[in-house]
């Protein structure tokens, strides 16, 4: 399977999502092949994405290694500086990029 060239590197903060989104980090930082998630210490407990690897598989599917080291596929959409995910349960949540990608 050929990977796409979508560049997610940088820092992101969650801007949209209902109660179901609390299972996902308030802040994300993507590196070339790894990510780190940070929870909001005042409102969140366990988060599904803490740190691990990720792989952009297509223009709409991404594999993310979860806190239990499982590899799950998520639908996603990148629109400018907004990154929206939908998990298998239908939970939709979005992040906004904090900083532009250095080229």
N, C-alpha and C. Protein backbone atom coordinates (compact mmCIF):
# COMPACT_ATOMS: atom_id res chain seq x y z
N UNK A 1 0.85 -1.18 0.00
CA UNK A 1 0.00 0.00 0.00
C UNK A 1 0.89 1.24 0.00
N UNK A 2 0.66 2.14 -0.91
CA UNK A 2 1.46 3.34 -1.01
C UNK A 2 0.92 4.42 -0.08
N UNK A 3 1.84 5.04 0.68
CA UNK A 3 1.43 6.09 1.59
C UNK A 3 1.28 7.40 0.84
N UNK A 4 0.42 8.27 1.36
CA UNK A 4 0.26 9.57 0.74
C UNK A 4 1.28 10.54 1.33
N UNK A 5 1.38 11.72 0.78
CA UNK A 5 2.38 12.69 1.21
C UNK A 5 1.77 13.81 2.06
N UNK A 6 0.64 13.60 2.66
CA UNK A 6 0.01 14.61 3.50
C UNK A 6 0.88 14.83 4.74
N UNK A 7 1.18 16.08 5.03
CA UNK A 7 2.08 16.43 6.12
C UNK A 7 1.28 16.96 7.32
N UNK A 8 1.25 16.18 8.39
CA UNK A 8 0.53 16.56 9.60
C UNK A 8 1.46 17.07 10.70
N UNK A 9 2.76 17.12 10.43
CA UNK A 9 3.72 17.50 11.46
C UNK A 9 3.39 18.86 12.05
N UNK A 10 3.55 18.95 13.37
CA UNK A 10 3.28 20.19 14.08
C UNK A 10 2.37 19.95 15.26
N UNK A 11 2.00 21.04 15.90
CA UNK A 11 1.14 20.99 17.09
C UNK A 11 -0.29 21.35 16.72
N UNK A 12 -1.22 20.64 17.37
CA UNK A 12 -2.65 20.80 17.10
C UNK A 12 -3.39 20.87 18.43
N UNK A 13 -4.52 21.56 18.47
CA UNK A 13 -5.39 21.55 19.66
C UNK A 13 -6.82 21.26 19.21
N UNK A 14 -7.53 20.51 20.06
CA UNK A 14 -8.90 20.10 19.72
C UNK A 14 -9.83 21.29 19.83
N UNK A 15 -10.65 21.48 18.81
CA UNK A 15 -11.58 22.61 18.77
C UNK A 15 -13.04 22.17 18.72
N UNK A 16 -13.30 20.95 18.28
CA UNK A 16 -14.67 20.46 18.15
C UNK A 16 -14.76 19.03 18.62
N UNK A 17 -15.91 18.67 19.14
CA UNK A 17 -16.17 17.29 19.55
C UNK A 17 -17.09 17.27 20.75
N UNK A 18 -18.00 16.34 20.74
CA UNK A 18 -18.92 16.18 21.87
C UNK A 18 -18.26 15.41 23.00
N UNK A 19 -19.08 14.87 23.87
CA UNK A 19 -18.57 14.11 25.01
C UNK A 19 -17.69 12.94 24.59
N UNK A 20 -18.02 12.33 23.45
CA UNK A 20 -17.23 11.19 22.99
C UNK A 20 -15.79 11.59 22.69
N UNK A 21 -15.55 12.85 22.37
CA UNK A 21 -14.20 13.32 22.03
C UNK A 21 -13.28 13.39 23.25
N UNK A 22 -13.84 13.32 24.46
CA UNK A 22 -13.01 13.35 25.66
C UNK A 22 -12.09 12.15 25.77
N UNK A 23 -12.35 11.11 24.99
CA UNK A 23 -11.45 9.95 24.97
C UNK A 23 -10.19 10.24 24.16
N UNK A 24 -10.16 11.35 23.46
CA UNK A 24 -9.04 11.72 22.61
C UNK A 24 -8.33 12.94 23.20
N UNK A 25 -7.05 13.11 22.92
CA UNK A 25 -6.29 14.17 23.58
C UNK A 25 -6.76 15.58 23.23
N UNK A 26 -6.57 16.49 24.18
CA UNK A 26 -6.89 17.90 23.96
C UNK A 26 -5.86 18.53 23.02
N UNK A 27 -4.63 18.02 23.07
CA UNK A 27 -3.56 18.53 22.22
C UNK A 27 -2.79 17.36 21.61
N UNK A 28 -2.39 17.54 20.36
CA UNK A 28 -1.60 16.54 19.62
C UNK A 28 -0.36 17.18 19.06
N UNK A 29 0.71 16.40 18.99
CA UNK A 29 1.89 16.84 18.26
C UNK A 29 2.31 15.70 17.36
N UNK A 30 2.28 15.96 16.06
CA UNK A 30 2.69 14.97 15.08
C UNK A 30 4.13 15.24 14.65
N UNK A 31 4.91 14.17 14.61
CA UNK A 31 6.26 14.21 14.07
C UNK A 31 6.21 13.41 12.77
N UNK A 32 7.35 13.03 12.22
CA UNK A 32 7.34 12.35 10.92
C UNK A 32 6.55 11.05 10.93
N UNK A 33 6.75 10.21 11.93
CA UNK A 33 6.03 8.92 11.98
C UNK A 33 5.46 8.62 13.36
N UNK A 34 5.61 9.56 14.29
CA UNK A 34 5.12 9.37 15.65
C UNK A 34 4.28 10.56 16.06
N UNK A 35 3.51 10.36 17.12
CA UNK A 35 2.70 11.44 17.66
C UNK A 35 2.74 11.37 19.18
N UNK A 36 2.38 12.47 19.83
CA UNK A 36 2.22 12.51 21.28
C UNK A 36 0.94 13.28 21.57
N UNK A 37 0.11 12.71 22.42
CA UNK A 37 -1.13 13.36 22.81
C UNK A 37 -1.04 13.83 24.25
N UNK A 38 -1.67 14.95 24.54
CA UNK A 38 -1.69 15.50 25.89
C UNK A 38 -3.14 15.76 26.28
N UNK A 39 -3.51 15.30 27.46
CA UNK A 39 -4.88 15.52 27.90
C UNK A 39 -5.00 16.85 28.63
N UNK A 40 -6.21 17.33 28.74
CA UNK A 40 -6.52 18.49 29.55
C UNK A 40 -6.60 18.00 30.98
N UNK A 41 -5.65 18.39 31.78
CA UNK A 41 -5.52 17.85 33.14
C UNK A 41 -6.75 18.10 34.01
N UNK A 42 -7.54 19.11 33.69
CA UNK A 42 -8.68 19.43 34.54
C UNK A 42 -9.94 18.67 34.18
N UNK A 43 -10.05 18.20 32.92
CA UNK A 43 -11.32 17.61 32.51
C UNK A 43 -11.22 16.21 31.93
N UNK A 44 -10.02 15.69 31.72
CA UNK A 44 -9.91 14.40 31.05
C UNK A 44 -9.27 13.35 31.93
N UNK A 45 -9.76 12.13 31.75
CA UNK A 45 -9.13 10.97 32.35
C UNK A 45 -8.26 10.29 31.31
N UNK A 46 -8.45 8.99 31.16
CA UNK A 46 -7.70 8.20 30.20
C UNK A 46 -7.96 8.69 28.78
N UNK A 47 -6.90 8.80 27.98
CA UNK A 47 -7.05 9.15 26.57
C UNK A 47 -6.56 8.00 25.71
N UNK A 48 -7.26 7.76 24.62
CA UNK A 48 -6.99 6.65 23.72
C UNK A 48 -5.66 6.85 22.98
N UNK A 49 -5.36 8.10 22.63
CA UNK A 49 -4.11 8.40 21.92
C UNK A 49 -3.17 9.09 22.90
N UNK A 50 -2.18 8.37 23.41
CA UNK A 50 -1.21 9.02 24.30
C UNK A 50 0.11 9.25 23.59
N UNK A 51 0.65 8.23 22.98
CA UNK A 51 1.88 8.36 22.20
C UNK A 51 2.03 7.09 21.38
N UNK A 52 2.59 7.21 20.21
CA UNK A 52 2.79 6.04 19.39
C UNK A 52 3.07 6.42 17.96
N UNK A 53 2.88 5.46 17.09
CA UNK A 53 3.11 5.69 15.68
C UNK A 53 1.81 5.96 14.96
N UNK A 54 1.95 6.55 13.79
CA UNK A 54 0.79 6.76 12.92
C UNK A 54 1.26 6.62 11.48
N UNK A 55 0.30 6.38 10.61
CA UNK A 55 0.61 6.25 9.19
C UNK A 55 -0.59 6.75 8.39
N UNK A 56 -0.36 7.71 7.53
CA UNK A 56 -1.39 8.18 6.61
C UNK A 56 -1.43 7.17 5.48
N UNK A 57 -2.54 6.44 5.37
CA UNK A 57 -2.63 5.37 4.38
C UNK A 57 -3.25 5.81 3.07
N UNK A 58 -4.26 6.66 3.15
CA UNK A 58 -4.88 7.23 1.96
C UNK A 58 -5.25 8.67 2.27
N UNK A 59 -5.89 9.33 1.35
CA UNK A 59 -6.32 10.70 1.61
C UNK A 59 -7.49 10.79 2.57
N UNK A 60 -7.99 9.64 3.04
CA UNK A 60 -9.10 9.68 3.99
C UNK A 60 -8.98 8.66 5.12
N UNK A 61 -7.93 7.88 5.16
CA UNK A 61 -7.75 6.85 6.21
C UNK A 61 -6.35 6.96 6.80
N UNK A 62 -6.31 6.96 8.14
CA UNK A 62 -5.06 7.00 8.86
C UNK A 62 -5.03 5.89 9.90
N UNK A 63 -3.88 5.24 10.05
CA UNK A 63 -3.69 4.26 11.12
C UNK A 63 -3.02 5.00 12.27
N UNK A 64 -3.55 4.82 13.48
CA UNK A 64 -2.97 5.42 14.67
C UNK A 64 -2.82 4.33 15.72
N UNK A 65 -1.62 4.25 16.30
CA UNK A 65 -1.35 3.30 17.38
C UNK A 65 -1.91 3.90 18.66
N UNK A 66 -2.76 3.14 19.34
CA UNK A 66 -3.45 3.65 20.52
C UNK A 66 -2.65 3.39 21.78
N UNK A 67 -3.19 3.85 22.91
CA UNK A 67 -2.54 3.69 24.21
C UNK A 67 -2.34 2.23 24.59
N UNK A 68 -3.13 1.33 24.00
CA UNK A 68 -2.97 -0.10 24.28
C UNK A 68 -2.11 -0.79 23.23
N UNK A 69 -1.43 0.00 22.40
CA UNK A 69 -0.54 -0.46 21.33
C UNK A 69 -1.26 -1.13 20.17
N UNK A 70 -2.59 -1.06 20.15
CA UNK A 70 -3.33 -1.57 19.00
C UNK A 70 -3.24 -0.55 17.88
N UNK A 71 -3.35 -1.02 16.65
CA UNK A 71 -3.36 -0.14 15.49
C UNK A 71 -4.79 -0.04 14.97
N UNK A 72 -5.35 1.15 15.06
CA UNK A 72 -6.73 1.38 14.62
C UNK A 72 -6.72 2.32 13.41
N UNK A 73 -7.70 2.13 12.57
CA UNK A 73 -7.87 3.00 11.42
C UNK A 73 -8.97 4.01 11.70
N UNK A 74 -8.71 5.24 11.33
CA UNK A 74 -9.65 6.34 11.53
C UNK A 74 -9.85 7.06 10.20
N UNK A 75 -11.08 7.47 9.96
CA UNK A 75 -11.33 8.35 8.82
C UNK A 75 -10.89 9.75 9.24
N UNK A 76 -10.30 10.47 8.32
CA UNK A 76 -9.89 11.82 8.64
C UNK A 76 -10.05 12.70 7.40
N UNK A 77 -10.02 14.01 7.66
CA UNK A 77 -10.07 14.98 6.57
C UNK A 77 -9.22 16.18 6.99
N UNK A 78 -8.31 16.57 6.13
CA UNK A 78 -7.50 17.75 6.37
C UNK A 78 -7.99 18.85 5.44
N UNK A 79 -8.44 19.94 6.04
CA UNK A 79 -8.96 21.08 5.28
C UNK A 79 -8.23 22.33 5.78
N UNK A 80 -7.17 22.73 5.09
CA UNK A 80 -6.36 23.85 5.55
C UNK A 80 -5.67 23.49 6.84
N UNK A 81 -5.95 24.24 7.90
CA UNK A 81 -5.36 23.97 9.22
C UNK A 81 -6.32 23.27 10.16
N UNK A 82 -7.35 22.64 9.62
CA UNK A 82 -8.30 21.88 10.43
C UNK A 82 -8.22 20.41 10.05
N UNK A 83 -8.07 19.58 11.07
CA UNK A 83 -7.95 18.13 10.91
C UNK A 83 -9.09 17.48 11.65
N UNK A 84 -9.99 16.83 10.93
CA UNK A 84 -11.18 16.21 11.51
C UNK A 84 -11.05 14.70 11.44
N UNK A 85 -11.38 14.02 12.54
CA UNK A 85 -11.37 12.57 12.61
C UNK A 85 -12.78 12.06 12.87
N UNK A 86 -13.05 10.83 12.44
CA UNK A 86 -14.26 10.11 12.80
C UNK A 86 -13.82 8.70 13.16
N UNK A 87 -14.19 8.26 14.38
CA UNK A 87 -13.80 6.91 14.79
C UNK A 87 -14.87 5.89 14.38
N UNK A 88 -14.63 4.62 14.68
CA UNK A 88 -15.55 3.55 14.27
C UNK A 88 -16.94 3.68 14.89
N UNK A 89 -17.03 4.36 16.03
CA UNK A 89 -18.32 4.54 16.69
C UNK A 89 -19.07 5.76 16.15
N UNK A 90 -18.46 6.49 15.20
CA UNK A 90 -19.11 7.66 14.63
C UNK A 90 -18.82 8.95 15.36
N UNK A 91 -17.92 8.91 16.33
CA UNK A 91 -17.54 10.13 17.07
C UNK A 91 -16.68 11.00 16.16
N UNK A 92 -17.13 12.23 15.93
CA UNK A 92 -16.38 13.18 15.10
C UNK A 92 -15.78 14.25 16.00
N UNK A 93 -14.52 14.58 15.74
CA UNK A 93 -13.83 15.61 16.52
C UNK A 93 -12.77 16.23 15.64
N UNK A 94 -12.43 17.48 15.93
CA UNK A 94 -11.52 18.22 15.05
C UNK A 94 -10.44 18.93 15.85
N UNK A 95 -9.32 19.10 15.19
CA UNK A 95 -8.16 19.82 15.73
C UNK A 95 -7.81 20.95 14.78
N UNK A 96 -7.21 21.98 15.35
CA UNK A 96 -6.70 23.08 14.55
C UNK A 96 -5.20 23.18 14.78
N UNK A 97 -4.46 23.45 13.69
CA UNK A 97 -3.00 23.53 13.77
C UNK A 97 -2.60 24.78 14.54
N UNK A 98 -1.66 24.63 15.49
CA UNK A 98 -1.17 25.74 16.28
C UNK A 98 -0.11 26.55 15.55
N UNK A 99 0.66 25.89 14.73
CA UNK A 99 1.78 26.57 14.08
C UNK A 99 1.92 26.04 12.65
N UNK A 100 2.39 26.85 11.76
CA UNK A 100 2.59 26.36 10.39
C UNK A 100 3.75 25.38 10.34
N UNK A 101 3.73 24.53 9.35
CA UNK A 101 4.79 23.55 9.16
C UNK A 101 6.00 24.26 8.57
N UNK A 102 7.15 24.07 9.19
CA UNK A 102 8.39 24.64 8.65
C UNK A 102 8.82 23.83 7.44
N UNK A 103 9.10 24.47 6.37
CA UNK A 103 9.50 23.77 5.13
C UNK A 103 10.95 24.01 4.86
